[in-house]
Amino acid sequence: MDLEAWYNSQSRSNMDEIIDSVATHEANVQDDSLVTRDEDYYREDGDCVIRVGNVLFKVHRHLLVRDSSAFENMFSMPQGTDVPGNIPTDENPIRLYDEVDEFRAFCWIMPDISSSTSSPMAYMAQTYEASVDIAKIVSLYLISHKYHFESHENFAREILERHRPDALEEPNYFILDYFLNCPESRLESLIKVASSTENPASEHSLTSGIQTFWIWRLRLIGTSVSYALRVAEALGLRRFIGELYYFVLCESMDQPSTIQGSTAYIRPSTDLTPRQRLALFEGSWSLHPYWLNTVSAPFHTFNCPAHRHHGCNRIWKEFWPKYKASIAEMFFDPLQFLRDIEPGVTQVNGKLSDGILVISCIAPYVNAKINVLEESLADHFLGPMPSTQPVS
């Protein structure tokens, strides 16, 4: 089942309900009259009480100062003059302004806490696609990074990387469901942390995986493109910016509307700012001549391993018109078109031409076209990088 068919088959709340749930999730008001002890992570033998929201946790202090964490400095700060020895208690706890679920995930990973949810088997379950609790792992990743628990952060990162979209043979719909319905601020926090600790340009980075989930979310739910662009711009994720603008452009081409009694088309409404709309128009203008040149350009060769290159040319002349004819039947999407023909050209290798086995250069040619377009996609919308100069 493809992603869109799967999503349409689910019972989904409307956008107002999603927005309300986001606001509720992000609210973290501390009210002394509503304080309760956490059922799993208030340990009577603990020696440190921490309050998150309206929930009290009691844990072992020595576990909090591991990994040269931020808690080492926190414990050296005064917590009140009315408590002997500055020991955090229910009446005078250390106050953390985090999400309760994040701190629960943090307690879950601490090895000395005896809980049915904190066993080695529970940790191992997170490594499997069918049993991973992605919400817990995301919470653990964010809070571990915030308080500098390197070992816990690495543990969570490895699991998230293992469940990247490009790391799975088929989409994990439980993981996808989380990323489709979590608050947008959650995606923002994730991509900020991931891009700050790795090379975001890496093809198989956690950052690129989050970007893929965000694009799927836009396609299936239709959340704010402008918000995603602002995040990408703030983090300098140029390739993601290009992918977002390209997504909007292709979506607008796929759903054109006409003015009654006119030959004009209406651009579908979006939440883009005037500056973002200008970038979108620049990209539309730039991509159309690129596409016309790509379709009409003759087949070019590079480092062809074939003994007789004319065999590659003959195969190409047979292959290309079949796909070129399909352009008229599709909406504007150069990148998807190249991706669609890639499997076909890969099968050309090993084809006989004049009785000679041809190791064709056609597949590398198409692959190179895809790679160059992916790498330079943002240039169409943003212009060339400052270090490059336009050529005529």
Foldseek 3Di string as FASTA:
>chain_A
DDPQVVLVPDDDDAPVVLVVVQVVQLDQAADQVQADEDPQFADPPAFAWEDERRYIGGHHPVLLPPQVWQVVVVQVDAQDDVDPPSGADPVGHHYDHDGPLLVVLVSLDRQVRDDPCNDPVNLVLCQDLVRNPLVSLLSQLLVCVVGNVVVSNVSSQVSLLCQQPVNDPHHSVVVLVCLLRHDPVSLLSVLVSQVVPDPCVDPSGSNVSSLVSVLSSCVNRNDALQVVLVSCVVSVVLLSNLVSLLSLLQVQQVDWADDPPDPDIDGDDHPHDPLQVQLSVLLVVQVVVVVVCVLPPQDDFDPFPFPDQVQLVVVCVVPNVVLSVCVVVDTDDVLVSLVVCLVVVVVCQQDDDPNDGGRHRVNVSSVVVNVVCSVCSSCSRPNDDPVDDDDD
